[in-house]
Amino acid sequence: DKMETEEEDDEIPSEFISRKDLEKNRLSREEMEKYSVF
């Protein structure tokens, strides 16, 4: 379970965005429906 939650973030260099930051600033499906581009 720990390996799934971390999802290889330890192997990704710090110069790139982390998975947590991606999830934090990503719109949910409900929010996407409010934008015409989606």
Full PDB file with SEQRES, HELIX, SHEET, SSBOND, CRYST1, ORIGX, SCALE, CONECT and MASTER records, all heavy atoms in Angstrom:
SEQRES   1 A   38  ASP LYS MET GLU THR GLU GLU GLU ASP ASP GLU ILE PRO          
SEQRES   2 A   38  SER GLU PHE ILE SER ARG LYS ASP LEU GLU LYS ASN ARG          
SEQRES   3 A   38  LEU SER ARG GLU GLU MET GLU LYS TYR SER VAL PHE              
HELIX    1 AA1 LYS A    2  GLU A    6  1                                   5    
HELIX    2 AA2 ASP A    9  GLU A   11  5                                   3    
HELIX    3 AA3 ARG A   19  LYS A   24  1                                   6    
HELIX    4 AA4 ARG A   29  MET A   32  1                                   4    
CRYST1    1.000    1.000    1.000  90.00  90.00  90.00 P 1           1          
ORIGX1      1.000000  0.000000  0.000000        0.00000                         
ORIGX2      0.000000  1.000000  0.000000        0.00000                         
ORIGX3      0.000000  0.000000  1.000000        0.00000                         
SCALE1      1.000000  0.000000  0.000000        0.00000                         
SCALE2      0.000000  1.000000  0.000000        0.00000                         
SCALE3      0.000000  0.000000  1.000000        0.00000                         
ATOM      1  N   ASP A   1       0.829  -1.198   0.000  1.00  0.00           N  
ATOM      2  CA  ASP A   1       0.000   0.000   0.000  1.00  0.00           C  
ATOM      3  C   ASP A   1       0.865   1.251   0.000  1.00  0.00           C  
ATOM      4  O   ASP A   1       0.544   2.242  -0.650  1.00  0.00           O  
ATOM      5  CB  ASP A   1      -0.919   0.014   1.226  1.00  0.00           C  
ATOM      6  CG  ASP A   1      -1.929  -1.114   1.177  1.00  0.00           C  
ATOM      7  OD1 ASP A   1      -2.202  -1.577   0.050  1.00  0.00           O  
ATOM      8  OD2 ASP A   1      -2.425  -1.534   2.236  1.00  0.00           O  
ATOM      9  N   LYS A   2       1.941   1.215   0.753  1.00  0.00           N  
ATOM     10  CA  LYS A   2       2.824   2.379   0.806  1.00  0.00           C  
ATOM     11  C   LYS A   2       3.443   2.631  -0.555  1.00  0.00           C  
ATOM     12  O   LYS A   2       3.593   3.765  -0.980  1.00  0.00           O  
ATOM     13  CB  LYS A   2       3.922   2.154   1.846  1.00  0.00           C  
ATOM     14  CG  LYS A   2       3.414   2.177   3.278  1.00  0.00           C  
ATOM     15  CD  LYS A   2       4.552   1.963   4.250  1.00  0.00           C  
ATOM     16  CE  LYS A   2       4.048   1.978   5.683  1.00  0.00           C  
ATOM     17  NZ  LYS A   2       5.145   1.748   6.645  1.00  0.00           N  
ATOM     18  N   MET A   3       3.784   1.567  -1.241  1.00  0.00           N  
ATOM     19  CA  MET A   3       4.383   1.727  -2.558  1.00  0.00           C  
ATOM     20  C   MET A   3       3.398   2.325  -3.533  1.00  0.00           C  
ATOM     21  O   MET A   3       3.754   3.141  -4.387  1.00  0.00           O  
ATOM     22  CB  MET A   3       4.876   0.373  -3.077  1.00  0.00           C  
ATOM     23  CG  MET A   3       6.073  -0.170  -2.310  1.00  0.00           C  
ATOM     24  SD  MET A   3       6.547  -1.811  -2.849  1.00  0.00           S  
ATOM     25  CE  MET A   3       7.014  -1.487  -4.537  1.00  0.00           C  
ATOM     26  N   GLU A   4       2.106   1.958  -3.410  1.00  0.00           N  
ATOM     27  CA  GLU A   4       1.105   2.505  -4.308  1.00  0.00           C  
ATOM     28  C   GLU A   4       0.848   3.983  -4.043  1.00  0.00           C  
ATOM     29  O   GLU A   4       0.649   4.759  -4.955  1.00  0.00           O  
ATOM     30  CB  GLU A   4      -0.204   1.722  -4.162  1.00  0.00           C  
ATOM     31  CG  GLU A   4      -0.099   0.303  -4.696  1.00  0.00           C  
ATOM     32  CD  GLU A   4      -1.380  -0.470  -4.502  1.00  0.00           C  
ATOM     33  OE1 GLU A   4      -2.321   0.127  -3.951  1.00  0.00           O  
ATOM     34  OE2 GLU A   4      -1.441  -1.631  -4.895  1.00  0.00           O  
ATOM     35  N   THR A   5       0.797   4.368  -2.776  1.00  0.00           N  
ATOM     36  CA  THR A   5       0.533   5.758  -2.455  1.00  0.00           C  
ATOM     37  C   THR A   5       1.682   6.660  -2.861  1.00  0.00           C  
ATOM     38  O   THR A   5       1.479   7.774  -3.346  1.00  0.00           O  
ATOM     39  CB  THR A   5       0.281   5.924  -0.945  1.00  0.00           C  
ATOM     40  OG1 THR A   5       1.382   5.337  -0.219  1.00  0.00           O  
ATOM     41  CG2 THR A   5      -1.009   5.216  -0.550  1.00  0.00           C  
ATOM     42  N   GLU A   6       2.918   6.168  -2.660  1.00  0.00           N  
ATOM     43  CA  GLU A   6       4.068   6.976  -3.035  1.00  0.00           C  
ATOM     44  C   GLU A   6       4.241   7.012  -4.548  1.00  0.00           C  
ATOM     45  O   GLU A   6       4.608   8.023  -5.123  1.00  0.00           O  
ATOM     46  CB  GLU A   6       5.328   6.409  -2.383  1.00  0.00           C  
ATOM     47  CG  GLU A   6       5.325   6.578  -0.872  1.00  0.00           C  
ATOM     48  CD  GLU A   6       6.541   5.935  -0.246  1.00  0.00           C  
ATOM     49  OE1 GLU A   6       7.366   5.383  -1.009  1.00  0.00           O  
ATOM     50  OE2 GLU A   6       6.664   5.986   0.987  1.00  0.00           O  
ATOM     51  N   GLU A   7       3.942   5.891  -5.196  1.00  0.00           N  
ATOM     52  CA  GLU A   7       3.979   5.750  -6.648  1.00  0.00           C  
ATOM     53  C   GLU A   7       5.271   6.293  -7.248  1.00  0.00           C  
ATOM     54  O   GLU A   7       5.281   7.210  -8.065  1.00  0.00           O  
ATOM     55  CB  GLU A   7       2.774   6.449  -7.289  1.00  0.00           C  
ATOM     56  CG  GLU A   7       2.581   6.056  -8.728  1.00  0.00           C  
ATOM     57  CD  GLU A   7       1.148   6.202  -9.183  1.00  0.00           C  
ATOM     58  OE1 GLU A   7       0.278   6.404  -8.355  1.00  0.00           O  
ATOM     59  OE2 GLU A   7       0.933   6.097 -10.381  1.00  0.00           O  
ATOM     60  N   GLU A   8       6.363   5.768  -6.815  1.00  0.00           N  
ATOM     61  CA  GLU A   8       7.659   6.024  -7.409  1.00  0.00           C  
ATOM     62  C   GLU A   8       8.098   7.476  -7.277  1.00  0.00           C  
ATOM     63  O   GLU A   8       8.955   7.945  -8.019  1.00  0.00           O  
ATOM     64  CB  GLU A   8       7.645   5.628  -8.897  1.00  0.00           C  
ATOM     65  CG  GLU A   8       7.321   4.164  -9.110  1.00  0.00           C  
ATOM     66  CD  GLU A   8       7.208   3.814 -10.594  1.00  0.00           C  
ATOM     67  OE1 GLU A   8       7.307   4.729 -11.430  1.00  0.00           O  
ATOM     68  OE2 GLU A   8       7.019   2.653 -10.893  1.00  0.00           O  
ATOM     69  N   ASP A   9       7.505   8.258  -6.399  1.00  0.00           N  
ATOM     70  CA  ASP A   9       7.905   9.648  -6.236  1.00  0.00           C  
ATOM     71  C   ASP A   9       9.337   9.768  -5.745  1.00  0.00           C  
ATOM     72  O   ASP A   9      10.009  10.760  -6.002  1.00  0.00           O  
ATOM     73  CB  ASP A   9       6.963  10.369  -5.252  1.00  0.00           C  
ATOM     74  CG  ASP A   9       5.807  11.030  -5.987  1.00  0.00           C  
ATOM     75  OD1 ASP A   9       5.773  10.894  -7.228  1.00  0.00           O  
ATOM     76  OD2 ASP A   9       4.952  11.654  -5.336  1.00  0.00           O  
ATOM     77  N   ASP A  10       9.820   8.741  -5.018  1.00  0.00           N  
ATOM     78  CA  ASP A  10      11.182   8.777  -4.511  1.00  0.00           C  
ATOM     79  C   ASP A  10      12.204   8.730  -5.640  1.00  0.00           C  
ATOM     80  O   ASP A  10      13.317   9.234  -5.512  1.00  0.00           O  
ATOM     81  CB  ASP A  10      11.426   7.608  -3.552  1.00  0.00           C  
ATOM     82  CG  ASP A  10      10.583   7.737  -2.294  1.00  0.00           C  
ATOM     83  OD1 ASP A  10      10.166   8.867  -1.987  1.00  0.00           O  
ATOM     84  OD2 ASP A  10      10.344   6.711  -1.630  1.00  0.00           O  
ATOM     85  N   GLU A  11      11.809   8.116  -6.773  1.00  0.00           N  
ATOM     86  CA  GLU A  11      12.736   7.979  -7.888  1.00  0.00           C  
ATOM     87  C   GLU A  11      12.714   9.196  -8.806  1.00  0.00           C  
ATOM     88  O   GLU A  11      13.552   9.327  -9.680  1.00  0.00           O  
ATOM     89  CB  GLU A  11      12.397   6.711  -8.689  1.00  0.00           C  
ATOM     90  CG  GLU A  11      12.482   5.429  -7.857  1.00  0.00           C  
ATOM     91  CD  GLU A  11      12.102   4.203  -8.666  1.00  0.00           C  
ATOM     92  OE1 GLU A  11      11.825   4.370  -9.866  1.00  0.00           O  
ATOM     93  OE2 GLU A  11      12.093   3.100  -8.098  1.00  0.00           O  
ATOM     94  N   ILE A  12      11.736  10.089  -8.649  1.00  0.00           N  
ATOM     95  CA  ILE A  12      11.621  11.259  -9.510  1.00  0.00           C  
ATOM     96  C   ILE A  12      12.477  12.386  -8.951  1.00  0.00           C  
ATOM     97  O   ILE A  12      12.338  12.746  -7.781  1.00  0.00           O  
ATOM     98  CB  ILE A  12      10.146  11.707  -9.620  1.00  0.00           C  
ATOM     99  CG1 ILE A  12       9.330  10.586 -10.269  1.00  0.00           C  
ATOM    100  CG2 ILE A  12      10.034  12.993 -10.435  1.00  0.00           C  
ATOM    101  CD1 ILE A  12       7.857  10.840 -10.268  1.00  0.00           C  
ATOM    102  N   PRO A  13      13.353  12.973  -9.760  1.00  0.00           N  
ATOM    103  CA  PRO A  13      14.204  14.065  -9.263  1.00  0.00           C  
ATOM    104  C   PRO A  13      13.375  15.243  -8.771  1.00  0.00           C  
ATOM    105  O   PRO A  13      12.271  15.500  -9.244  1.00  0.00           O  
ATOM    106  CB  PRO A  13      15.033  14.445 -10.500  1.00  0.00           C  
ATOM    107  CG  PRO A  13      14.991  13.238 -11.390  1.00  0.00           C  
ATOM    108  CD  PRO A  13      13.654  12.608 -11.146  1.00  0.00           C  
ATOM    109  N   SER A  14      13.917  15.984  -7.821  1.00  0.00           N  
ATOM    110  CA  SER A  14      13.198  17.107  -7.224  1.00  0.00           C  
ATOM    111  C   SER A  14      13.023  18.262  -8.196  1.00  0.00           C  
ATOM    112  O   SER A  14      12.246  19.180  -7.935  1.00  0.00           O  
ATOM    113  CB  SER A  14      13.951  17.594  -5.981  1.00  0.00           C  
ATOM    114  OG  SER A  14      15.277  17.973  -6.313  1.00  0.00           O  
ATOM    115  N   GLU A  15      13.732  18.245  -9.331  1.00  0.00           N  
ATOM    116  CA  GLU A  15      13.607  19.337 -10.302  1.00  0.00           C  
ATOM    117  C   GLU A  15      12.298  19.269 -11.075  1.00  0.00           C  
ATOM    118  O   GLU A  15      11.977  20.198 -11.822  1.00  0.00           O  
ATOM    119  CB  GLU A  15      14.787  19.308 -11.275  1.00  0.00           C  
ATOM    120  CG  GLU A  15      14.905  18.006 -12.058  1.00  0.00           C  
ATOM    121  CD  GLU A  15      16.185  17.942 -12.880  1.00  0.00           C  
ATOM    122  OE1 GLU A  15      16.197  18.506 -13.990  1.00  0.00           O  
ATOM    123  OE2 GLU A  15      17.167  17.362 -12.389  1.00  0.00           O  
ATOM    124  N   PHE A  16      11.537  18.188 -10.900  1.00  0.00           N  
ATOM    125  CA  PHE A  16      10.246  18.041 -11.560  1.00  0.00           C  
ATOM    126  C   PHE A  16       9.120  18.066 -10.532  1.00  0.00           C  
ATOM    127  O   PHE A  16       9.340  17.852  -9.343  1.00  0.00           O  
ATOM    128  CB  PHE A  16      10.192  16.748 -12.377  1.00  0.00           C  
ATOM    129  CG  PHE A  16      11.295  16.654 -13.405  1.00  0.00           C  
ATOM    130  CD1 PHE A  16      12.268  15.683 -13.306  1.00  0.00           C  
ATOM    131  CD2 PHE A  16      11.356  17.562 -14.454  1.00  0.00           C  
ATOM    132  CE1 PHE A  16      13.294  15.605 -14.231  1.00  0.00           C  
ATOM    133  CE2 PHE A  16      12.378  17.492 -15.396  1.00  0.00           C  
ATOM    134  CZ  PHE A  16      13.350  16.514 -15.277  1.00  0.00           C  
ATOM    135  N   ILE A  17       7.932  18.311 -11.009  1.00  0.00           N  
ATOM    136  CA  ILE A  17       6.777  18.423 -10.121  1.00  0.00           C  
ATOM    137  C   ILE A  17       6.477  17.075  -9.471  1.00  0.00           C  
ATOM    138  O   ILE A  17       6.691  16.019 -10.072  1.00  0.00           O  
ATOM    139  CB  ILE A  17       5.544  18.948 -10.895  1.00  0.00           C  
ATOM    140  CG1 ILE A  17       4.437  19.372  -9.923  1.00  0.00           C  
ATOM    141  CG2 ILE A  17       5.037  17.905 -11.876  1.00  0.00           C  
ATOM    142  CD1 ILE A  17       3.302  20.106 -10.607  1.00  0.00           C  
ATOM    143  N   SER A  18       5.986  17.115  -8.252  1.00  0.00           N  
ATOM    144  CA  SER A  18       5.629  15.884  -7.537  1.00  0.00           C  
ATOM    145  C   SER A  18       4.176  15.514  -7.841  1.00  0.00           C  
ATOM    146  O   SER A  18       3.382  16.344  -8.303  1.00  0.00           O  
ATOM    147  CB  SER A  18       5.816  16.063  -6.034  1.00  0.00           C  
ATOM    148  OG  SER A  18       4.910  17.032  -5.536  1.00  0.00           O  
ATOM    149  N   ARG A  19       3.851  14.268  -7.557  1.00  0.00           N  
ATOM    150  CA  ARG A  19       2.482  13.801  -7.806  1.00  0.00           C  
ATOM    151  C   ARG A  19       1.482  14.512  -6.894  1.00  0.00           C  
ATOM    152  O   ARG A  19       0.348  14.786  -7.288  1.00  0.00           O  
ATOM    153  CB  ARG A  19       2.419  12.282  -7.579  1.00  0.00           C  
ATOM    154  CG  ARG A  19       1.075  11.665  -7.939  1.00  0.00           C  
ATOM    155  CD  ARG A  19       1.205  10.157  -7.984  1.00  0.00           C  
ATOM    156  NE  ARG A  19      -0.064   9.538  -8.308  1.00  0.00           N  
ATOM    157  CZ  ARG A  19      -0.879   9.027  -7.422  1.00  0.00           C  
ATOM    158  NH1 ARG A  19      -0.566   9.063  -6.139  1.00  0.00           N  
ATOM    159  NH2 ARG A  19      -2.016   8.473  -7.789  1.00  0.00           N  
ATOM    160  N   LYS A  20       1.920  14.829  -5.670  1.00  0.00           N  
ATOM    161  CA  LYS A  20       1.038  15.530  -4.728  1.00  0.00           C  
ATOM    162  C   LYS A  20       0.680  16.919  -5.233  1.00  0.00           C  
ATOM    163  O   LYS A  20      -0.466  17.359  -5.126  1.00  0.00           O  
ATOM    164  CB  LYS A  20       1.706  15.616  -3.359  1.00  0.00           C  
ATOM    165  CG  LYS A  20       1.829  14.289  -2.645  1.00  0.00           C  
ATOM    166  CD  LYS A  20       2.465  14.456  -1.278  1.00  0.00           C  
ATOM    167  CE  LYS A  20       2.572  13.116  -0.555  1.00  0.00           C  
ATOM    168  NZ  LYS A  20       3.217  13.277   0.780  1.00  0.00           N  
ATOM    169  N   ASP A  21       1.659  17.624  -5.794  1.00  0.00           N  
ATOM    170  CA  ASP A  21       1.392  18.964  -6.327  1.00  0.00           C  
ATOM    171  C   ASP A  21       0.492  18.901  -7.549  1.00  0.00           C  
ATOM    172  O   ASP A  21      -0.321  19.799  -7.777  1.00  0.00           O  
ATOM    173  CB  ASP A  21       2.710  19.658  -6.678  1.00  0.00           C  
ATOM    174  CG  ASP A  21       3.499  20.044  -5.437  1.00  0.00           C  
ATOM    175  OD1 ASP A  21       2.879  20.192  -4.363  1.00  0.00           O  
ATOM    176  OD2 ASP A  21       4.743  20.181  -5.530  1.00  0.00           O  
ATOM    177  N   LEU A  22       0.650  17.848  -8.342  1.00  0.00           N  
ATOM    178  CA  LEU A  22      -0.240  17.675  -9.497  1.00  0.00           C  
ATOM    179  C   LEU A  22      -1.690  17.505  -9.047  1.00  0.00           C  
ATOM    180  O   LEU A  22      -2.604  18.128  -9.587  1.00  0.00           O  
ATOM    181  CB  LEU A  22       0.197  16.467 -10.330  1.00  0.00           C  
ATOM    182  CG  LEU A  22       1.241  16.694 -11.437  1.00  0.00           C  
ATOM    183  CD1 LEU A  22       1.615  15.377 -12.082  1.00  0.00           C  
ATOM    184  CD2 LEU A  22       0.719  17.668 -12.476  1.00  0.00           C  
ATOM    185  N   GLU A  23      -1.884  16.647  -8.067  1.00  0.00           N  
ATOM    186  CA  GLU A  23      -3.236  16.396  -7.570  1.00  0.00           C  
ATOM    187  C   GLU A  23      -3.818  17.634  -6.885  1.00  0.00           C  
ATOM    188  O   GLU A  23      -5.021  17.902  -6.978  1.00  0.00           O  
ATOM    189  CB  GLU A  23      -3.213  15.219  -6.593  1.00  0.00           C  
ATOM    190  CG  GLU A  23      -2.882  13.888  -7.249  1.00  0.00           C  
ATOM    191  CD  GLU A  23      -2.818  12.756  -6.241  1.00  0.00           C  
ATOM    192  OE1 GLU A  23      -2.835  13.056  -5.015  1.00  0.00           O  
ATOM    193  OE2 GLU A  23      -2.743  11.590  -6.650  1.00  0.00           O  
ATOM    194  N   LYS A  24      -2.963  18.368  -6.194  1.00  0.00           N  
ATOM    195  CA  LYS A  24      -3.426  19.534  -5.445  1.00  0.00           C  
ATOM    196  C   LYS A  24      -3.970  20.621  -6.358  1.00  0.00           C  
ATOM    197  O   LYS A  24      -4.976  21.273  -6.048  1.00  0.00           O  
ATOM    198  CB  LYS A  24      -2.269  20.082  -4.600  1.00  0.00           C  
ATOM    199  CG  LYS A  24      -2.633  21.271  -3.736  1.00  0.00           C  
ATOM    200  CD  LYS A  24      -1.435  21.726  -2.930  1.00  0.00           C  
ATOM    201  CE  LYS A  24      -1.781  22.946  -2.084  1.00  0.00           C  
ATOM    202  NZ  LYS A  24      -0.594  23.402  -1.291  1.00  0.00           N  
ATOM    203  N   ASN A  25      -3.325  20.831  -7.511  1.00  0.00           N  
ATOM    204  CA  ASN A  25      -3.718  21.915  -8.418  1.00  0.00           C  
ATOM    205  C   ASN A  25      -4.469  21.420  -9.647  1.00  0.00           C  
ATOM    206  O   ASN A  25      -4.554  22.129 -10.646  1.00  0.00           O  
ATOM    207  CB  ASN A  25      -2.469  22.689  -8.870  1.00  0.00           C  
ATOM    208  CG  ASN A  25      -1.776  23.384  -7.718  1.00  0.00           C  
ATOM    209  OD1 ASN A  25      -2.426  23.938  -6.835  1.00  0.00           O  
ATOM    210  ND2 ASN A  25      -0.454  23.359  -7.702  1.00  0.00           N  
ATOM    211  N   ARG A  26      -5.013  20.202  -9.566  1.00  0.00           N  
ATOM    212  CA  ARG A  26      -5.759  19.660 -10.700  1.00  0.00           C  
ATOM    213  C   ARG A  26      -7.257  19.742 -10.432  1.00  0.00           C  
ATOM    214  O   ARG A  26      -7.712  19.517  -9.305  1.00  0.00           O  
ATOM    215  CB  ARG A  26      -5.343  18.203 -10.935  1.00  0.00           C  
ATOM    216  CG  ARG A  26      -5.933  17.598 -12.210  1.00  0.00           C  
ATOM    217  CD  ARG A  26      -5.404  16.192 -12.405  1.00  0.00           C  
ATOM    218  NE  ARG A  26      -5.826  15.319 -11.313  1.00  0.00           N  
ATOM    219  CZ  ARG A  26      -5.160  14.240 -10.917  1.00  0.00           C  
ATOM    220  NH1 ARG A  26      -4.012  13.917 -11.496  1.00  0.00           N  
ATOM    221  NH2 ARG A  26      -5.612  13.489  -9.949  1.00  0.00           N  
ATOM    222  N   LEU A  27      -7.996  20.095 -11.458  1.00  0.00           N  
ATOM    223  CA  LEU A  27      -9.444  20.194 -11.318  1.00  0.00           C  
ATOM    224  C   LEU A  27     -10.064  18.807 -11.207  1.00  0.00           C  
ATOM    225  O   LEU A  27      -9.566  17.843 -11.802  1.00  0.00           O  
ATOM    226  CB  LEU A  27     -10.060  20.922 -12.527  1.00  0.00           C  
ATOM    227  CG  LEU A  27      -9.631  22.374 -12.778  1.00  0.00           C  
ATOM    228  CD1 LEU A  27     -10.309  22.897 -14.042  1.00  0.00           C  
ATOM    229  CD2 LEU A  27      -9.982  23.268 -11.598  1.00  0.00           C  
ATOM    230  N   SER A  28     -11.157  18.725 -10.469  1.00  0.00           N  
ATOM    231  CA  SER A  28     -11.908  17.473 -10.398  1.00  0.00           C  
ATOM    232  C   SER A  28     -12.809  17.371 -11.630  1.00  0.00           C  
ATOM    233  O   SER A  28     -12.952  18.324 -12.401  1.00  0.00           O  
ATOM    234  CB  SER A  28     -12.755  17.449  -9.126  1.00  0.00           C  
ATOM    235  OG  SER A  28     -13.704  18.496  -9.135  1.00  0.00           O  
ATOM    236  N   ARG A  29     -13.410  16.210 -11.819  1.00  0.00           N  
ATOM    237  CA  ARG A  29     -14.299  16.023 -12.974  1.00  0.00           C  
ATOM    238  C   ARG A  29     -15.482  16.974 -12.926  1.00  0.00           C  
ATOM    239  O   ARG A  29     -15.915  17.514 -13.956  1.00  0.00           O  
ATOM    240  CB  ARG A  29     -14.793  14.583 -13.017  1.00  0.00           C  
ATOM    241  CG  ARG A  29     -13.705  13.571 -13.344  1.00  0.00           C  
ATOM    242  CD  ARG A  29     -14.284  12.183 -13.473  1.00  0.00           C  
ATOM    243  NE  ARG A  29     -13.256  11.191 -13.797  1.00  0.00           N  
ATOM    244  CZ  ARG A  29     -13.494   9.901 -13.967  1.00  0.00           C  
ATOM    245  NH1 ARG A  29     -14.747   9.449 -13.836  1.00  0.00           N  
ATOM    246  NH2 ARG A  29     -12.506   9.082 -14.272  1.00  0.00           N  
ATOM    247  N   GLU A  30     -16.007  17.196 -11.739  1.00  0.00           N  
ATOM    248  CA  GLU A  30     -17.136  18.117 -11.595  1.00  0.00           C  
ATOM    249  C   GLU A  30     -16.725  19.540 -11.954  1.00  0.00           C  
ATOM    250  O   GLU A  30     -17.494  20.279 -12.593  1.00  0.00           O  
ATOM    251  CB  GLU A  30     -17.673  18.076 -10.157  1.00  0.00           C  
ATOM    252  CG  GLU A  30     -18.352  16.777  -9.756  1.00  0.00           C  
ATOM    253  CD  GLU A  30     -17.363  15.652  -9.488  1.00  0.00           C  
ATOM    254  OE1 GLU A  30     -16.138  15.959  -9.388  1.00  0.00           O  
ATOM    255  OE2 GLU A  30     -17.777  14.487  -9.384  1.00  0.00           O  
ATOM    256  N   GLU A  31     -15.522  19.932 -11.560  1.00  0.00           N  
ATOM    257  CA  GLU A  31     -15.034  21.274 -11.883  1.00  0.00           C  
ATOM    258  C   GLU A  31     -14.734  21.429 -13.371  1.00  0.00           C  
ATOM    259  O   GLU A  31     -14.926  22.507 -13.945  1.00  0.00           O  
ATOM    260  CB  GLU A  31     -13.781  21.584 -11.057  1.00  0.00           C  
ATOM    261  CG  GLU A  31     -14.059  21.732  -9.561  1.00  0.00           C  
ATOM    262  CD  GLU A  31     -12.787  21.865  -8.744  1.00  0.00           C  
ATOM    263  OE1 GLU A  31     -11.749  21.284  -9.145  1.00  0.00           O  
ATOM    264  OE2 GLU A  31     -12.829  22.545  -7.705  1.00  0.00           O  
ATOM    265  N   MET A  32     -14.264  20.359 -13.994  1.00  0.00           N  
ATOM    266  CA  MET A  32     -13.969  20.416 -15.434  1.00  0.00           C  
ATOM    267  C   MET A  32     -15.230  20.680 -16.257  1.00  0.00           C  
ATOM    268  O   MET A  32     -15.173  21.355 -17.295  1.00  0.00           O  
ATOM    269  CB  MET A  32     -13.323  19.109 -15.898  1.00  0.00           C  
ATOM    270  CG  MET A  32     -11.901  18.915 -15.435  1.00  0.00           C  
ATOM    271  SD  MET A  32     -11.190  17.369 -16.068  1.00  0.00           S  
ATOM    272  CE  MET A  32      -9.627  17.321 -15.191  1.00  0.00           C  
ATOM    273  N   GLU A  33     -16.351  20.156 -15.791  1.00  0.00           N  
ATOM    274  CA  GLU A  33     -17.600  20.325 -16.525  1.00  0.00           C  
ATOM    275  C   GLU A  33     -18.037  21.789 -16.598  1.00  0.00           C  
ATOM    276  O   GLU A  33     -18.824  22.164 -17.459  1.00  0.00           O  
ATOM    277  CB  GLU A  33     -18.702  19.488 -15.879  1.00  0.00           C  
ATOM    278  CG  GLU A  33     -18.464  17.983 -15.994  1.00  0.00           C  
ATOM    279  CD  GLU A  33     -19.519  17.178 -15.258  1.00  0.00           C  
ATOM    280  OE1 GLU A  33     -20.382  17.809 -14.602  1.00  0.00           O  
ATOM    281  OE2 GLU A  33     -19.496  15.934 -15.331  1.00  0.00           O  
ATOM    282  N   LYS A  34     -17.530  22.621 -15.709  1.00  0.00           N  
ATOM    283  CA  LYS A  34     -17.893  24.040 -15.698  1.00  0.00           C  
ATOM    284  C   LYS A  34     -17.112  24.849 -16.738  1.00  0.00           C  
ATOM    285  O   LYS A  34     -17.466  25.998 -17.011  1.00  0.00           O  
ATOM    286  CB  LYS A  34     -17.648  24.622 -14.304  1.00  0.00           C  
ATOM    287  CG  LYS A  34     -18.456  23.953 -13.202  1.00  0.00           C  
ATOM    288  CD  LYS A  34     -18.115  24.535 -11.838  1.00  0.00           C  
ATOM    289  CE  LYS A  34     -18.885  23.833 -10.729  1.00  0.00           C  
ATOM    290  NZ  LYS A  34     -18.533  24.363  -9.388  1.00  0.00           N  
ATOM    291  N   TYR A  35     -16.051  24.255 -17.302  1.00  0.00           N  
ATOM    292  CA  TYR A  35     -15.236  24.956 -18.296  1.00  0.00           C  
ATOM    293  C   TYR A  35     -15.618  24.494 -19.702  1.00  0.00           C  
ATOM    294  O   TYR A  35     -15.752  23.307 -19.970  1.00  0.00           O  
ATOM    295  CB  TYR A  35     -13.748  24.687 -18.051  1.00  0.00           C  
ATOM    296  CG  TYR A  35     -13.187  25.364 -16.824  1.00  0.00           C  
ATOM    297  CD1 TYR A  35     -13.319  24.781 -15.562  1.00  0.00           C  
ATOM    298  CD2 TYR A  35     -12.508  26.578 -16.923  1.00  0.00           C  
ATOM    299  CE1 TYR A  35     -12.794  25.397 -14.431  1.00  0.00           C  
ATOM    300  CE2 TYR A  35     -11.985  27.200 -15.797  1.00  0.00           C  
ATOM    301  CZ  TYR A  35     -12.127  26.603 -14.555  1.00  0.00           C  
ATOM    302  OH  TYR A  35     -11.613  27.213 -13.442  1.00  0.00           O  
ATOM    303  N   SER A  36     -15.741  25.457 -20.589  1.00  0.00           N  
ATOM    304  CA  SER A  36     -16.135  25.145 -21.969  1.00  0.00           C  
ATOM    305  C   SER A  36     -15.043  24.379 -22.715  1.00  0.00           C  
ATOM    306  O   SER A  36     -15.333  23.629 -23.654  1.00  0.00           O  
ATOM    307  CB  SER A  36     -16.456  26.439 -22.727  1.00  0.00           C  
ATOM    308  OG  SER A  36     -15.331  27.309 -22.725  1.00  0.00           O  
ATOM    309  N   VAL A  37     -13.778  24.551 -22.303  1.00  0.00           N  
ATOM    310  CA  VAL A  37     -12.682  23.869 -23.009  1.00  0.00           C  
ATOM    311  C   VAL A  37     -12.727  22.351 -22.815  1.00  0.00           C  
ATOM    312  O   VAL A  37     -12.132  21.608 -23.605  1.00  0.00           O  
ATOM    313  CB  VAL A  37     -11.307  24.412 -22.529  1.00  0.00           C  
ATOM    314  CG1 VAL A  37     -11.089  25.820 -23.018  1.00  0.00           C  
ATOM    315  CG2 VAL A  37     -11.186  24.312 -21.016  1.00  0.00           C  
ATOM    316  N   PHE A  38     -13.420  21.907 -21.791  1.00  0.00           N  
ATOM    317  CA  PHE A  38     -13.536  20.463 -21.554  1.00  0.00           C  
ATOM    318  C   PHE A  38     -14.850  19.891 -22.106  1.00  0.00           C  
ATOM    319  O   PHE A  38     -15.134  18.708 -21.918  1.00  0.00           O  
ATOM    320  CB  PHE A  38     -13.436  20.162 -20.059  1.00  0.00           C  
ATOM    321  CG  PHE A  38     -12.073  20.398 -19.485  1.00  0.00           C  
ATOM    322  CD1 PHE A  38     -11.807  21.533 -18.753  1.00  0.00           C  
ATOM    323  CD2 PHE A  38     -11.039  19.491 -19.695  1.00  0.00           C  
ATOM    324  CE1 PHE A  38     -10.550  21.761 -18.217  1.00  0.00           C  
ATOM    325  CE2 PHE A  38      -9.781  19.717 -19.175  1.00  0.00           C  
ATOM    326  CZ  PHE A  38      -9.530  20.862 -18.428  1.00  0.00           C  
TER     327      PHE A  38                                                      
MASTER        0    0    0    4    0    0    0    6  326    1    0    3          
END                                                                             
